Structures are given as structure tokens and as C-alpha cells.
């Protein structure tokens, strides 16, 4: 997964609120993803940042919302 690096292009850097809007989740959830290492990000003073590419890569790997598929009923 892509890391947020010092050489990221400025136009590719987004804050937690922008990442949340891209993912359709809350800003607090994105901060949780940063803190747990599931989404790469860096804290710059009071602002968490990441890159668009990192968010897009995370989005491709996450499962769809809702309950996981269950086993079919074996009622015969």
C-alpha cells in the first residue's frame, strides 16, 4: 500500500475530511484508520493528511458495506 512520504506532490495531499468524503465515511473513522495503520497518513500539527492515491488504494481493498454474505440455508 502506498505510504505518505515527504516527496508527495502537494496537489495529491488531502486532509482527513477530504478522505472521508471520498470514502463515504466520517472524518473520525478516517482518523481511526490512520491510527491503526489501515490507511497511511501523517499528522501535521493538528491535521491528519494522506494522498489521494492512498485513499483510492484503500478503497479498492475494503469490503462492500453491509453484512458479510452468509451461508445459504440448508433446509431440505
PDB file of N, CA and C in Angstrom:
ATOM      1  N   UNK A   1       0.843  -1.171   0.000  1.00  0.00           N
ATOM      2  CA  UNK A   1       0.000   0.000   0.000  1.00  0.00           C
ATOM      3  C   UNK A   1       0.891   1.237   0.000  1.00  0.00           C
ATOM      4  N   UNK A   2       0.461   2.255  -0.651  1.00  0.00           N
ATOM      5  CA  UNK A   2       1.261   3.471  -0.772  1.00  0.00           C
ATOM      6  C   UNK A   2       1.373   4.187   0.558  1.00  0.00           C
ATOM      7  N   UNK A   3       2.529   4.732   0.823  1.00  0.00           N
ATOM      8  CA  UNK A   3       2.768   5.474   2.055  1.00  0.00           C
ATOM      9  C   UNK A   3       2.746   6.966   1.767  1.00  0.00           C
ATOM     10  N   UNK A   4       2.394   7.736   2.774  1.00  0.00           N
ATOM     11  CA  UNK A   4       2.503   9.185   2.665  1.00  0.00           C
ATOM     12  C   UNK A   4       3.962   9.512   2.897  1.00  0.00           C
ATOM     13  N   UNK A   5       4.595  10.129   1.929  1.00  0.00           N
ATOM     14  CA  UNK A   5       6.017  10.422   2.044  1.00  0.00           C
ATOM     15  C   UNK A   5       6.257  11.915   1.960  1.00  0.00           C
ATOM     16  N   UNK A   6       7.471  12.297   2.305  1.00  0.00           N
ATOM     17  CA  UNK A   6       7.835  13.707   2.261  1.00  0.00           C
ATOM     18  C   UNK A   6       7.854  14.241   0.840  1.00  0.00           C
ATOM     19  N   UNK A   7       7.987  13.368  -0.149  1.00  0.00           N
ATOM     20  CA  UNK A   7       8.072  13.842  -1.530  1.00  0.00           C
ATOM     21  C   UNK A   7       6.736  13.745  -2.266  1.00  0.00           C
ATOM     22  N   UNK A   8       5.609  13.577  -1.525  1.00  0.00           N
ATOM     23  CA  UNK A   8       4.296  13.560  -2.158  1.00  0.00           C
ATOM     24  C   UNK A   8       4.036  14.926  -2.795  1.00  0.00           C
ATOM     25  N   UNK A   9       3.428  14.903  -3.960  1.00  0.00           N
ATOM     26  CA  UNK A   9       3.111  16.161  -4.639  1.00  0.00           C
ATOM     27  C   UNK A   9       2.002  16.871  -3.885  1.00  0.00           C
ATOM     28  N   UNK A  10       2.100  18.174  -3.757  1.00  0.00           N
ATOM     29  CA  UNK A  10       1.164  18.955  -2.964  1.00  0.00           C
ATOM     30  C   UNK A  10      -0.275  18.761  -3.422  1.00  0.00           C
ATOM     31  N   UNK A  11      -0.497  18.678  -4.732  1.00  0.00           N
ATOM     32  CA  UNK A  11      -1.872  18.529  -5.222  1.00  0.00           C
ATOM     33  C   UNK A  11      -2.457  17.151  -4.916  1.00  0.00           C
ATOM     34  N   UNK A  12      -1.619  16.188  -4.544  1.00  0.00           N
ATOM     35  CA  UNK A  12      -2.087  14.848  -4.192  1.00  0.00           C
ATOM     36  C   UNK A  12      -2.403  14.711  -2.703  1.00  0.00           C
ATOM     37  N   UNK A  13      -1.992  15.679  -1.893  1.00  0.00           N
ATOM     38  CA  UNK A  13      -2.182  15.607  -0.448  1.00  0.00           C
ATOM     39  C   UNK A  13      -3.580  16.110  -0.096  1.00  0.00           C
ATOM     40  N   UNK A  14      -4.290  15.300   0.716  1.00  0.00           N
ATOM     41  CA  UNK A  14      -5.628  15.680   1.169  1.00  0.00           C
ATOM     42  C   UNK A  14      -5.706  15.503   2.677  1.00  0.00           C
ATOM     43  N   UNK A  15      -6.668  16.176   3.300  1.00  0.00           N
ATOM     44  CA  UNK A  15      -6.814  16.032   4.745  1.00  0.00           C
ATOM     45  C   UNK A  15      -7.840  14.939   5.055  1.00  0.00           C
ATOM     46  N   UNK A  16      -8.030  14.684   6.336  1.00  0.00           N
ATOM     47  CA  UNK A  16      -8.911  13.598   6.767  1.00  0.00           C
ATOM     48  C   UNK A  16     -10.356  13.823   6.309  1.00  0.00           C
ATOM     49  N   UNK A  17     -10.818  15.059   6.317  1.00  0.00           N
ATOM     50  CA  UNK A  17     -12.195  15.347   5.889  1.00  0.00           C
ATOM     51  C   UNK A  17     -12.375  15.030   4.401  1.00  0.00           C
ATOM     52  N   UNK A  18     -11.399  15.372   3.588  1.00  0.00           N
ATOM     53  CA  UNK A  18     -11.478  15.064   2.155  1.00  0.00           C
ATOM     54  C   UNK A  18     -11.423  13.557   1.923  1.00  0.00           C
ATOM     55  N   UNK A  19     -10.580  12.856   2.676  1.00  0.00           N
ATOM     56  CA  UNK A  19     -10.507  11.401   2.562  1.00  0.00           C
ATOM     57  C   UNK A  19     -11.839  10.776   2.970  1.00  0.00           C
ATOM     58  N   UNK A  20     -12.451  11.309   4.023  1.00  0.00           N
ATOM     59  CA  UNK A  20     -13.743  10.799   4.480  1.00  0.00           C
ATOM     60  C   UNK A  20     -14.810  10.975   3.405  1.00  0.00           C
ATOM     61  N   UNK A  21     -14.807  12.119   2.741  1.00  0.00           N
ATOM     62  CA  UNK A  21     -15.779  12.361   1.673  1.00  0.00           C
ATOM     63  C   UNK A  21     -15.569  11.383   0.515  1.00  0.00           C
ATOM     64  N   UNK A  22     -14.317  11.098   0.182  1.00  0.00           N
ATOM     65  CA  UNK A  22     -14.035  10.143  -0.894  1.00  0.00           C
ATOM     66  C   UNK A  22     -14.524   8.747  -0.545  1.00  0.00           C
ATOM     67  N   UNK A  23     -14.392   8.366   0.733  1.00  0.00           N
ATOM     68  CA  UNK A  23     -14.750   7.021   1.158  1.00  0.00           C
ATOM     69  C   UNK A  23     -16.204   6.884   1.603  1.00  0.00           C
ATOM     70  N   UNK A  24     -16.872   8.009   1.827  1.00  0.00           N
ATOM     71  CA  UNK A  24     -18.250   7.964   2.301  1.00  0.00           C
ATOM     72  C   UNK A  24     -18.361   7.561   3.759  1.00  0.00           C
ATOM     73  N   UNK A  25     -17.369   7.972   4.562  1.00  0.00           N
ATOM     74  CA  UNK A  25     -17.358   7.675   5.998  1.00  0.00           C
ATOM     75  C   UNK A  25     -17.127   8.976   6.753  1.00  0.00           C
ATOM     76  N   UNK A  26     -17.107   8.906   8.074  1.00  0.00           N
ATOM     77  CA  UNK A  26     -16.867  10.116   8.866  1.00  0.00           C
ATOM     78  C   UNK A  26     -15.375  10.422   8.958  1.00  0.00           C
ATOM     79  N   UNK A  27     -15.079  11.656   9.286  1.00  0.00           N
ATOM     80  CA  UNK A  27     -13.692  12.072   9.496  1.00  0.00           C
ATOM     81  C   UNK A  27     -13.072  11.275  10.647  1.00  0.00           C
ATOM     82  N   UNK A  28     -13.859  11.035  11.697  1.00  0.00           N
ATOM     83  CA  UNK A  28     -13.365  10.286  12.850  1.00  0.00           C
ATOM     84  C   UNK A  28     -12.974   8.862  12.448  1.00  0.00           C
ATOM     85  N   UNK A  29     -13.732   8.266  11.526  1.00  0.00           N
ATOM     86  CA  UNK A  29     -13.389   6.918  11.071  1.00  0.00           C
ATOM     87  C   UNK A  29     -12.061   6.935  10.304  1.00  0.00           C
ATOM     88  N   UNK A  30     -11.852   7.949   9.490  1.00  0.00           N
ATOM     89  CA  UNK A  30     -10.594   8.058   8.748  1.00  0.00           C
ATOM     90  C   UNK A  30      -9.425   8.225   9.722  1.00  0.00           C
ATOM     91  N   UNK A  31      -9.587   9.030  10.748  1.00  0.00           N
ATOM     92  CA  UNK A  31      -8.527   9.190  11.756  1.00  0.00           C
ATOM     93  C   UNK A  31      -8.250   7.843  12.424  1.00  0.00           C
ATOM     94  N   UNK A  32      -9.289   7.071  12.704  1.00  0.00           N
ATOM     95  CA  UNK A  32      -9.102   5.730  13.264  1.00  0.00           C
ATOM     96  C   UNK A  32      -8.290   4.854  12.305  1.00  0.00           C
ATOM     97  N   UNK A  33      -8.598   4.930  11.005  1.00  0.00           N
ATOM     98  CA  UNK A  33      -7.849   4.164  10.010  1.00  0.00           C
ATOM     99  C   UNK A  33      -6.373   4.577  10.005  1.00  0.00           C
ATOM    100  N   UNK A  34      -6.100   5.873  10.148  1.00  0.00           N
ATOM    101  CA  UNK A  34      -4.721   6.356  10.222  1.00  0.00           C
ATOM    102  C   UNK A  34      -4.025   5.780  11.457  1.00  0.00           C
ATOM    103  N   UNK A  35      -4.680   5.896  12.610  1.00  0.00           N
ATOM    104  CA  UNK A  35      -4.064   5.485  13.870  1.00  0.00           C
ATOM    105  C   UNK A  35      -3.813   3.990  13.937  1.00  0.00           C
ATOM    106  N   UNK A  36      -4.653   3.200  13.278  1.00  0.00           N
ATOM    107  CA  UNK A  36      -4.475   1.748  13.291  1.00  0.00           C
ATOM    108  C   UNK A  36      -3.587   1.260  12.152  1.00  0.00           C
ATOM    109  N   UNK A  37      -3.168   2.176  11.288  1.00  0.00           N
ATOM    110  CA  UNK A  37      -2.274   1.802  10.199  1.00  0.00           C
ATOM    111  C   UNK A  37      -2.966   1.178   8.994  1.00  0.00           C
ATOM    112  N   UNK A  38      -4.284   1.159   8.986  1.00  0.00           N
ATOM    113  CA  UNK A  38      -5.003   0.579   7.848  1.00  0.00           C
ATOM    114  C   UNK A  38      -5.017   1.522   6.651  1.00  0.00           C
ATOM    115  N   UNK A  39      -4.838   2.818   6.905  1.00  0.00           N
ATOM    116  CA  UNK A  39      -4.721   3.821   5.849  1.00  0.00           C
ATOM    117  C   UNK A  39      -3.504   4.671   6.195  1.00  0.00           C
ATOM    118  N   UNK A  40      -2.523   4.760   5.294  1.00  0.00           N
ATOM    119  CA  UNK A  40      -1.333   5.546   5.620  1.00  0.00           C
ATOM    120  C   UNK A  40      -1.651   7.036   5.712  1.00  0.00           C
ATOM    121  N   UNK A  41      -1.104   7.669   6.719  1.00  0.00           N
ATOM    122  CA  UNK A  41      -1.310   9.095   6.905  1.00  0.00           C
ATOM    123  C   UNK A  41      -0.266   9.653   7.849  1.00  0.00           C
ATOM    124  N   UNK A  42      -0.169  10.970   7.865  1.00  0.00           N
ATOM    125  CA  UNK A  42       0.753  11.661   8.773  1.00  0.00           C
ATOM    126  C   UNK A  42      -0.002  12.768   9.474  1.00  0.00           C
ATOM    127  N   UNK A  43       0.400  13.011  10.700  1.00  0.00           N
ATOM    128  CA  UNK A  43      -0.198  14.108  11.449  1.00  0.00           C
ATOM    129  C   UNK A  43       0.718  15.312  11.355  1.00  0.00           C
ATOM    130  N   UNK A  44       0.200  16.402  10.831  1.00  0.00           N
ATOM    131  CA  UNK A  44       0.929  17.664  10.747  1.00  0.00           C
ATOM    132  C   UNK A  44       0.259  18.621  11.724  1.00  0.00           C
ATOM    133  N   UNK A  45       0.868  18.840  12.840  1.00  0.00           N
ATOM    134  CA  UNK A  45       0.294  19.587  13.977  1.00  0.00           C
ATOM    135  C   UNK A  45      -1.059  18.965  14.315  1.00  0.00           C
ATOM    136  N   UNK A  46      -2.163  19.663  14.104  1.00  0.00           N
ATOM    137  CA  UNK A  46      -3.486  19.136  14.465  1.00  0.00           C
ATOM    138  C   UNK A  46      -4.222  18.529  13.269  1.00  0.00           C
ATOM    139  N   UNK A  47      -3.576  18.440  12.118  1.00  0.00           N
ATOM    140  CA  UNK A  47      -4.242  17.976  10.901  1.00  0.00           C
ATOM    141  C   UNK A  47      -3.634  16.674  10.405  1.00  0.00           C
ATOM    142  N   UNK A  48      -4.490  15.681  10.167  1.00  0.00           N
ATOM    143  CA  UNK A  48      -4.041  14.438   9.544  1.00  0.00           C
ATOM    144  C   UNK A  48      -4.123  14.589   8.036  1.00  0.00           C
ATOM    145  N   UNK A  49      -3.102  14.099   7.327  1.00  0.00           N
ATOM    146  CA  UNK A  49      -3.093  14.153   5.862  1.00  0.00           C
ATOM    147  C   UNK A  49      -2.708  12.804   5.283  1.00  0.00           C
ATOM    148  N   UNK A  50      -3.100  12.596   4.047  1.00  0.00           N
ATOM    149  CA  UNK A  50      -2.760  11.407   3.286  1.00  0.00           C
ATOM    150  C   UNK A  50      -2.719  11.817   1.821  1.00  0.00           C
ATOM    151  N   UNK A  51      -2.632  10.851   0.930  1.00  0.00           N
ATOM    152  CA  UNK A  51      -2.668  11.169  -0.504  1.00  0.00           C
ATOM    153  C   UNK A  51      -3.920  10.571  -1.134  1.00  0.00           C
ATOM    154  N   UNK A  52      -4.333  11.163  -2.230  1.00  0.00           N
ATOM    155  CA  UNK A  52      -5.479  10.625  -2.981  1.00  0.00           C
ATOM    156  C   UNK A  52      -5.208   9.182  -3.393  1.00  0.00           C
ATOM    157  N   UNK A  53      -3.985   8.905  -3.806  1.00  0.00           N
ATOM    158  CA  UNK A  53      -3.641   7.562  -4.260  1.00  0.00           C
ATOM    159  C   UNK A  53      -3.781   6.544  -3.124  1.00  0.00           C
ATOM    160  N   UNK A  54      -3.396   6.924  -1.904  1.00  0.00           N
ATOM    161  CA  UNK A  54      -3.519   6.014  -0.762  1.00  0.00           C
ATOM    162  C   UNK A  54      -4.985   5.724  -0.467  1.00  0.00           C
ATOM    163  N   UNK A  55      -5.831   6.738  -0.549  1.00  0.00           N
ATOM    164  CA  UNK A  55      -7.264   6.545  -0.308  1.00  0.00           C
ATOM    165  C   UNK A  55      -7.863   5.661  -1.398  1.00  0.00           C
ATOM    166  N   UNK A  56      -7.493   5.905  -2.651  1.00  0.00           N
ATOM    167  CA  UNK A  56      -8.001   5.081  -3.753  1.00  0.00           C
ATOM    168  C   UNK A  56      -7.554   3.628  -3.605  1.00  0.00           C
ATOM    169  N   UNK A  57      -6.315   3.406  -3.177  1.00  0.00           N
ATOM    170  CA  UNK A  57      -5.818   2.045  -2.974  1.00  0.00           C
ATOM    171  C   UNK A  57      -6.567   1.373  -1.827  1.00  0.00           C
ATOM    172  N   UNK A  58      -6.810   2.094  -0.740  1.00  0.00           N
ATOM    173  CA  UNK A  58      -7.565   1.537   0.381  1.00  0.00           C
ATOM    174  C   UNK A  58      -8.985   1.192  -0.062  1.00  0.00           C
ATOM    175  N   UNK A  59      -9.588   2.068  -0.826  1.00  0.00           N
ATOM    176  CA  UNK A  59     -10.971   1.852  -1.272  1.00  0.00           C
ATOM    177  C   UNK A  59     -11.091   0.578  -2.116  1.00  0.00           C
ATOM    178  N   UNK A  60     -10.077   0.293  -2.914  1.00  0.00           N
ATOM    179  CA  UNK A  60     -10.100  -0.915  -3.748  1.00  0.00           C
ATOM    180  C   UNK A  60     -10.015  -2.187  -2.910  1.00  0.00           C
ATOM    181  N   UNK A  61      -9.448  -2.103  -1.706  1.00  0.00           N
ATOM    182  CA  UNK A  61      -9.252  -3.298  -0.896  1.00  0.00           C
ATOM    183  C   UNK A  61     -10.335  -3.511   0.150  1.00  0.00           C
ATOM    184  N   UNK A  62     -11.142  -2.515   0.447  1.00  0.00           N
ATOM    185  CA  UNK A  62     -12.127  -2.702   1.514  1.00  0.00           C
ATOM    186  C   UNK A  62     -13.356  -3.446   1.002  1.00  0.00           C
ATOM    187  N   UNK A  63     -13.998  -4.143   1.898  1.00  0.00           N
ATOM    188  CA  UNK A  63     -15.172  -4.912   1.509  1.00  0.00           C
ATOM    189  C   UNK A  63     -16.367  -3.980   1.384  1.00  0.00           C
ATOM    190  N   UNK A  64     -17.371  -4.385   0.628  1.00  0.00           N
ATOM    191  CA  UNK A  64     -18.559  -3.537   0.480  1.00  0.00           C
ATOM    192  C   UNK A  64     -19.284  -3.384   1.819  1.00  0.00           C
ATOM    193  N   UNK A  65     -20.004  -2.274   1.997  1.00  0.00           N
ATOM    194  CA  UNK A  65     -20.715  -2.076   3.260  1.00  0.00           C
ATOM    195  C   UNK A  65     -21.827  -3.105   3.429  1.00  0.00           C
ATOM    196  N   UNK A  66     -22.248  -3.303   4.662  1.00  0.00           N
ATOM    197  CA  UNK A  66     -23.320  -4.247   4.959  1.00  0.00           C
ATOM    198  C   UNK A  66     -22.773  -5.506   5.589  1.00  0.00           C
ATOM    199  N   UNK A  67     -23.670  -6.413   5.842  1.00  0.00           N
ATOM    200  CA  UNK A  67     -23.277  -7.674   6.463  1.00  0.00           C
ATOM    201  C   UNK A  67     -22.540  -8.549   5.471  1.00  0.00           C
ATOM    202  N   UNK A  68     -21.585  -9.322   5.966  1.00  0.00           N
ATOM    203  CA  UNK A  68     -20.907 -10.257   5.066  1.00  0.00           C
ATOM    204  C   UNK A  68     -21.893 -11.320   4.593  1.00  0.00           C
ATOM    205  N   UNK A  69     -21.667 -11.866   3.419  1.00  0.00           N
ATOM    206  CA  UNK A  69     -22.587 -12.885   2.933  1.00  0.00           C
ATOM    207  C   UNK A  69     -22.583 -14.094   3.863  1.00  0.00           C
ATOM    208  N   UNK A  70     -23.763 -14.614   4.110  1.00  0.00           N
ATOM    209  CA  UNK A  70     -23.893 -15.793   4.974  1.00  0.00           C
ATOM    210  C   UNK A  70     -23.984 -17.065   4.164  1.00  0.00           C
ATOM    211  N   UNK A  71     -24.014 -18.150   4.875  1.00  0.00           N
ATOM    212  CA  UNK A  71     -24.172 -19.433   4.215  1.00  0.00           C
ATOM    213  C   UNK A  71     -25.624 -19.608   3.798  1.00  0.00           C
ATOM    214  N   UNK A  72     -25.858 -20.224   2.666  1.00  0.00           N
ATOM    215  CA  UNK A  72     -27.248 -20.485   2.272  1.00  0.00           C
ATOM    216  C   UNK A  72     -27.892 -21.446   3.247  1.00  0.00           C
ATOM    217  N   UNK A  73     -29.184 -21.293   3.440  1.00  0.00           N
ATOM    218  CA  UNK A  73     -29.908 -22.207   4.320  1.00  0.00           C
ATOM    219  C   UNK A  73     -29.964 -23.597   3.695  1.00  0.00           C
ATOM    220  N   UNK A  74     -29.619 -24.599   4.480  1.00  0.00           N
ATOM    221  CA  UNK A  74     -29.614 -25.984   4.004  1.00  0.00           C
ATOM    222  C   UNK A  74     -30.880 -26.688   4.499  1.00  0.00           C
ATOM    223  N   UNK A  75     -32.006 -26.050   4.359  1.00  0.00           N
ATOM    224  CA  UNK A  75     -33.256 -26.665   4.793  1.00  0.00           C
ATOM    225  C   UNK A  75     -33.816 -27.531   3.672  1.00  0.00           C
ATOM    226  N   UNK A  76     -33.804 -28.818   3.872  1.00  0.00           N
ATOM    227  CA  UNK A  76     -34.307 -29.730   2.846  1.00  0.00           C
ATOM    228  C   UNK A  76     -35.578 -30.382   3.287  1.00  0.00           C
TER     229      UNK A  76
END
